[in-house]
C-alpha atoms as a PDB file:
ATOM      1  CA  UNK A   1      12.316  11.796  -0.946  1.00  0.00           C
ATOM      2  CA  UNK A   2      13.709  14.488   1.285  1.00  0.00           C
ATOM      3  CA  UNK A   3      15.638  17.518   0.134  1.00  0.00           C
ATOM      4  CA  UNK A   4      19.141  16.132   0.663  1.00  0.00           C
ATOM      5  CA  UNK A   5      18.256  12.990  -1.314  1.00  0.00           C
ATOM      6  CA  UNK A   6      16.750  15.122  -4.053  1.00  0.00           C
ATOM      7  CA  UNK A   7      19.908  17.215  -4.322  1.00  0.00           C
ATOM      8  CA  UNK A   8      22.102  14.106  -4.477  1.00  0.00           C
ATOM      9  CA  UNK A   9      19.812  12.418  -7.017  1.00  0.00           C
ATOM     10  CA  UNK A  10      19.665  15.480  -9.257  1.00  0.00           C
ATOM     11  CA  UNK A  11      23.458  15.740  -9.145  1.00  0.00           C
ATOM     12  CA  UNK A  12      23.886  12.032  -9.945  1.00  0.00           C
ATOM     13  CA  UNK A  13      21.387  12.192 -12.804  1.00  0.00           C
ATOM     14  CA  UNK A  14      23.580  14.833 -14.397  1.00  0.00           C
ATOM     15  CA  UNK A  15      26.628  12.679 -13.689  1.00  0.00           C
ATOM     16  CA  UNK A  16      28.278  15.443 -11.702  1.00  0.00           C
ATOM     17  CA  UNK A  17      30.662  14.645  -8.882  1.00  0.00           C
ATOM     18  CA  UNK A  18      30.338  16.286  -5.488  1.00  0.00           C
ATOM     19  CA  UNK A  19      33.463  18.219  -6.382  1.00  0.00           C
ATOM     20  CA  UNK A  20      31.817  19.626  -9.518  1.00  0.00           C
ATOM     21  CA  UNK A  21      28.714  20.588  -7.589  1.00  0.00           C
ATOM     22  CA  UNK A  22      30.756  22.254  -4.845  1.00  0.00           C
ATOM     23  CA  UNK A  23      32.610  24.200  -7.526  1.00  0.00           C
ATOM     24  CA  UNK A  24      29.343  25.328  -9.142  1.00  0.00           C
ATOM     25  CA  UNK A  25      28.218  26.560  -5.708  1.00  0.00           C
ATOM     26  CA  UNK A  26      31.573  28.227  -4.934  1.00  0.00           C
ATOM     27  CA  UNK A  27      32.013  26.232  -1.753  1.00  0.00           C
ATOM     28  CA  UNK A  28      34.296  23.572  -0.364  1.00  0.00           C
ATOM     29  CA  UNK A  29      33.775  19.887  -1.065  1.00  0.00           C
ATOM     30  CA  UNK A  30      33.267  19.232   2.663  1.00  0.00           C
ATOM     31  CA  UNK A  31      30.672  22.005   2.880  1.00  0.00           C
ATOM     32  CA  UNK A  32      28.753  20.597  -0.054  1.00  0.00           C
ATOM     33  CA  UNK A  33      29.030  17.012   1.222  1.00  0.00           C
ATOM     34  CA  UNK A  34      27.455  18.149   4.515  1.00  0.00           C
ATOM     35  CA  UNK A  35      24.464  19.451   2.513  1.00  0.00           C
ATOM     36  CA  UNK A  36      23.970  16.048   0.878  1.00  0.00           C
ATOM     37  CA  UNK A  37      24.286  14.303   4.244  1.00  0.00           C
ATOM     38  CA  UNK A  38      21.726  16.659   5.756  1.00  0.00           C
ATOM     39  CA  UNK A  39      24.214  17.982   8.313  1.00  0.00           C
ATOM     40  CA  UNK A  40      23.815  21.590   7.152  1.00  0.00           C
ATOM     41  CA  UNK A  41      20.653  23.625   7.309  1.00  0.00           C
ATOM     42  CA  UNK A  42      20.049  25.139   3.904  1.00  0.00           C
ATOM     43  CA  UNK A  43      19.430  28.858   3.761  1.00  0.00           C
ATOM     44  CA  UNK A  44      16.951  30.166   1.241  1.00  0.00           C
ATOM     45  CA  UNK A  45      19.876  31.659  -0.659  1.00  0.00           C
ATOM     46  CA  UNK A  46      21.657  28.268  -0.919  1.00  0.00           C
ATOM     47  CA  UNK A  47      18.400  26.538  -1.848  1.00  0.00           C
ATOM     48  CA  UNK A  48      17.810  29.068  -4.647  1.00  0.00           C
ATOM     49  CA  UNK A  49      21.413  28.630  -5.781  1.00  0.00           C
ATOM     50  CA  UNK A  50      21.010  24.838  -5.965  1.00  0.00           C
ATOM     51  CA  UNK A  51      17.665  25.123  -7.771  1.00  0.00           C
ATOM     52  CA  UNK A  52      19.227  27.537 -10.294  1.00  0.00           C
ATOM     53  CA  UNK A  53      22.090  25.115 -10.927  1.00  0.00           C
ATOM     54  CA  UNK A  54      19.461  22.505 -11.796  1.00  0.00           C
ATOM     55  CA  UNK A  55      17.549  25.065 -13.924  1.00  0.00           C
ATOM     56  CA  UNK A  56      14.568  24.985 -11.577  1.00  0.00           C
ATOM     57  CA  UNK A  57      12.604  27.471  -9.548  1.00  0.00           C
ATOM     58  CA  UNK A  58      13.288  27.082  -5.810  1.00  0.00           C
ATOM     59  CA  UNK A  59       9.613  26.452  -5.038  1.00  0.00           C
ATOM     60  CA  UNK A  60       9.333  23.903  -7.855  1.00  0.00           C
ATOM     61  CA  UNK A  61      12.492  22.239  -6.528  1.00  0.00           C
ATOM     62  CA  UNK A  62      11.035  22.003  -3.006  1.00  0.00           C
ATOM     63  CA  UNK A  63       7.687  20.632  -4.227  1.00  0.00           C
ATOM     64  CA  UNK A  64       9.402  18.044  -6.418  1.00  0.00           C
ATOM     65  CA  UNK A  65      11.581  16.994  -3.488  1.00  0.00           C
ATOM     66  CA  UNK A  66       8.524  16.412  -1.309  1.00  0.00           C
ATOM     67  CA  UNK A  67       6.645  14.383  -3.941  1.00  0.00           C
ATOM     68  CA  UNK A  68       9.563  12.188  -4.950  1.00  0.00           C
ATOM     69  CA  UNK A  69       8.553  12.723  -8.571  1.00  0.00           C
ATOM     70  CA  UNK A  70      10.128  15.169 -10.941  1.00  0.00           C
ATOM     71  CA  UNK A  71      10.803  15.888 -14.565  1.00  0.00           C
ATOM     72  CA  UNK A  72      14.017  17.165 -16.076  1.00  0.00           C
ATOM     73  CA  UNK A  73      14.199  18.993 -19.377  1.00  0.00           C
ATOM     74  CA  UNK A  74      17.327  17.766 -21.116  1.00  0.00           C
ATOM     75  CA  UNK A  75      18.499  20.644 -23.247  1.00  0.00           C
ATOM     76  CA  UNK A  76      20.941  20.036 -26.050  1.00  0.00           C
ATOM     77  CA  UNK A  77      22.477  22.426 -28.522  1.00  0.00           C
ATOM     78  CA  UNK A  78      20.776  20.813 -31.533  1.00  0.00           C
ATOM     79  CA  UNK A  79      17.246  21.773 -30.389  1.00  0.00           C
ATOM     80  CA  UNK A  80      16.438  18.152 -29.559  1.00  0.00           C
ATOM     81  CA  UNK A  81      15.076  18.658 -26.078  1.00  0.00           C
ATOM     82  CA  UNK A  82      13.629  15.745 -24.180  1.00  0.00           C
ATOM     83  CA  UNK A  83      11.945  15.314 -20.837  1.00  0.00           C
ATOM     84  CA  UNK A  84      13.057  12.607 -18.436  1.00  0.00           C
ATOM     85  CA  UNK A  85      10.784  11.364 -15.648  1.00  0.00           C
ATOM     86  CA  UNK A  86      12.172  10.273 -12.332  1.00  0.00           C
ATOM     87  CA  UNK A  87      10.017   9.002  -9.527  1.00  0.00           C
ATOM     88  CA  UNK A  88       9.947   6.781  -6.520  1.00  0.00           C
ATOM     89  CA  UNK A  89       8.842   3.160  -6.762  1.00  0.00           C
ATOM     90  CA  UNK A  90       5.814   3.576  -4.520  1.00  0.00           C
ATOM     91  CA  UNK A  91       2.420   3.513  -6.184  1.00  0.00           C
ATOM     92  CA  UNK A  92      -0.534   5.240  -4.634  1.00  0.00           C
ATOM     93  CA  UNK A  93      -3.716   3.319  -3.892  1.00  0.00           C
ATOM     94  CA  UNK A  94      -5.410   5.129  -6.775  1.00  0.00           C
ATOM     95  CA  UNK A  95      -2.672   4.109  -9.206  1.00  0.00           C
ATOM     96  CA  UNK A  96      -2.926   0.499  -8.029  1.00  0.00           C
ATOM     97  CA  UNK A  97      -6.710   0.518  -8.550  1.00  0.00           C
ATOM     98  CA  UNK A  98      -6.265   1.976 -12.032  1.00  0.00           C
ATOM     99  CA  UNK A  99      -3.796  -0.777 -12.894  1.00  0.00           C
ATOM    100  CA  UNK A 100      -6.192  -3.432 -11.557  1.00  0.00           C
ATOM    101  CA  UNK A 101      -8.996  -2.031 -13.736  1.00  0.00           C
ATOM    102  CA  UNK A 102      -6.741  -2.035 -16.772  1.00  0.00           C
ATOM    103  CA  UNK A 103      -5.808  -5.671 -16.143  1.00  0.00           C
ATOM    104  CA  UNK A 104      -9.444  -6.633 -15.508  1.00  0.00           C
ATOM    105  CA  UNK A 105     -10.574  -4.907 -18.709  1.00  0.00           C
ATOM    106  CA  UNK A 106      -7.755  -6.583 -20.607  1.00  0.00           C
ATOM    107  CA  UNK A 107      -8.993  -9.982 -19.401  1.00  0.00           C
ATOM    108  CA  UNK A 108     -12.572  -9.057 -20.372  1.00  0.00           C
ATOM    109  CA  UNK A 109     -11.375  -8.005 -23.818  1.00  0.00           C
ATOM    110  CA  UNK A 110      -9.584 -11.321 -24.285  1.00  0.00           C
ATOM    111  CA  UNK A 111     -12.790 -13.236 -23.420  1.00  0.00           C
ATOM    112  CA  UNK A 112     -14.796 -10.988 -25.760  1.00  0.00           C
ATOM    113  CA  UNK A 113     -12.227 -11.491 -28.540  1.00  0.00           C
ATOM    114  CA  UNK A 114     -12.431 -15.283 -28.090  1.00  0.00           C
ATOM    115  CA  UNK A 115     -16.242 -15.125 -28.312  1.00  0.00           C
ATOM    116  CA  UNK A 116     -16.016 -13.023 -31.490  1.00  0.00           C
ATOM    117  CA  UNK A 117     -13.643 -15.523 -33.060  1.00  0.00           C
ATOM    118  CA  UNK A 118     -15.984 -18.394 -32.171  1.00  0.00           C
ATOM    119  CA  UNK A 119     -18.969 -16.515 -33.659  1.00  0.00           C
ATOM    120  CA  UNK A 120     -16.953 -15.752 -36.792  1.00  0.00           C
ATOM    121  CA  UNK A 121     -16.044 -19.424 -37.183  1.00  0.00           C
ATOM    122  CA  UNK A 122     -19.689 -20.446 -36.755  1.00  0.00           C
ATOM    123  CA  UNK A 123     -20.754 -17.875 -39.369  1.00  0.00           C
ATOM    124  CA  UNK A 124     -18.133 -19.158 -41.792  1.00  0.00           C
ATOM    125  CA  UNK A 125     -19.418 -22.720 -41.405  1.00  0.00           C
ATOM    126  CA  UNK A 126     -22.995 -21.503 -41.901  1.00  0.00           C
ATOM    127  CA  UNK A 127     -22.021 -19.521 -45.011  1.00  0.00           C
ATOM    128  CA  UNK A 128     -20.139 -22.501 -46.433  1.00  0.00           C
ATOM    129  CA  UNK A 129     -23.241 -24.679 -45.907  1.00  0.00           C
ATOM    130  CA  UNK A 130     -25.341 -22.068 -47.733  1.00  0.00           C
ATOM    131  CA  UNK A 131     -22.844 -22.002 -50.619  1.00  0.00           C
ATOM    132  CA  UNK A 132     -22.903 -25.791 -50.827  1.00  0.00           C
ATOM    133  CA  UNK A 133     -26.727 -25.753 -50.854  1.00  0.00           C
ATOM    134  CA  UNK A 134     -26.796 -23.111 -53.581  1.00  0.00           C
ATOM    135  CA  UNK A 135     -24.301 -25.094 -55.668  1.00  0.00           C
ATOM    136  CA  UNK A 136     -26.534 -28.155 -55.321  1.00  0.00           C
ATOM    137  CA  UNK A 137     -29.614 -26.139 -56.378  1.00  0.00           C
ATOM    138  CA  UNK A 138     -27.691 -24.793 -59.396  1.00  0.00           C
ATOM    139  CA  UNK A 139     -26.609 -28.275 -60.432  1.00  0.00           C
ATOM    140  CA  UNK A 140     -30.222 -29.557 -60.119  1.00  0.00           C
ATOM    141  CA  UNK A 141     -31.501 -26.622 -62.191  1.00  0.00           C
ATOM    142  CA  UNK A 142     -28.866 -27.305 -64.864  1.00  0.00           C
ATOM    143  CA  UNK A 143     -29.834 -30.996 -64.941  1.00  0.00           C
ATOM    144  CA  UNK A 144     -33.515 -30.150 -65.585  1.00  0.00           C
ATOM    145  CA  UNK A 145     -32.757 -27.866 -68.468  1.00  0.00           C
END
């Protein structure tokens, strides 16, 4: 995600119009729209101004724009702050491998669980046979007395 997309996305996440953003930056709507279209080179001063509007450090804002992944602290007056994650839909090769391992282990766990259930059922049958045998021994002992 490049910088202009990041600026637009951050504005849209906050449900601000371009007009509201231009007002926050003390500039014209056309001037701000050119920033979002990438037609204007951003000065460090403008970049810092935009980052401050989004409650971010300029460097943090630039790094988040380059990664396509960022977090936003949603501050509310009732001290119920929450963090929202936004990211691109592309998974790295490492993330894909991790997901494959999770799925593979899940399948292995299902097989293991099935084997445990089968063993449990066999043990229950065995225990029931032992109980039946003991009951028979008890009845034979009672008959002899």
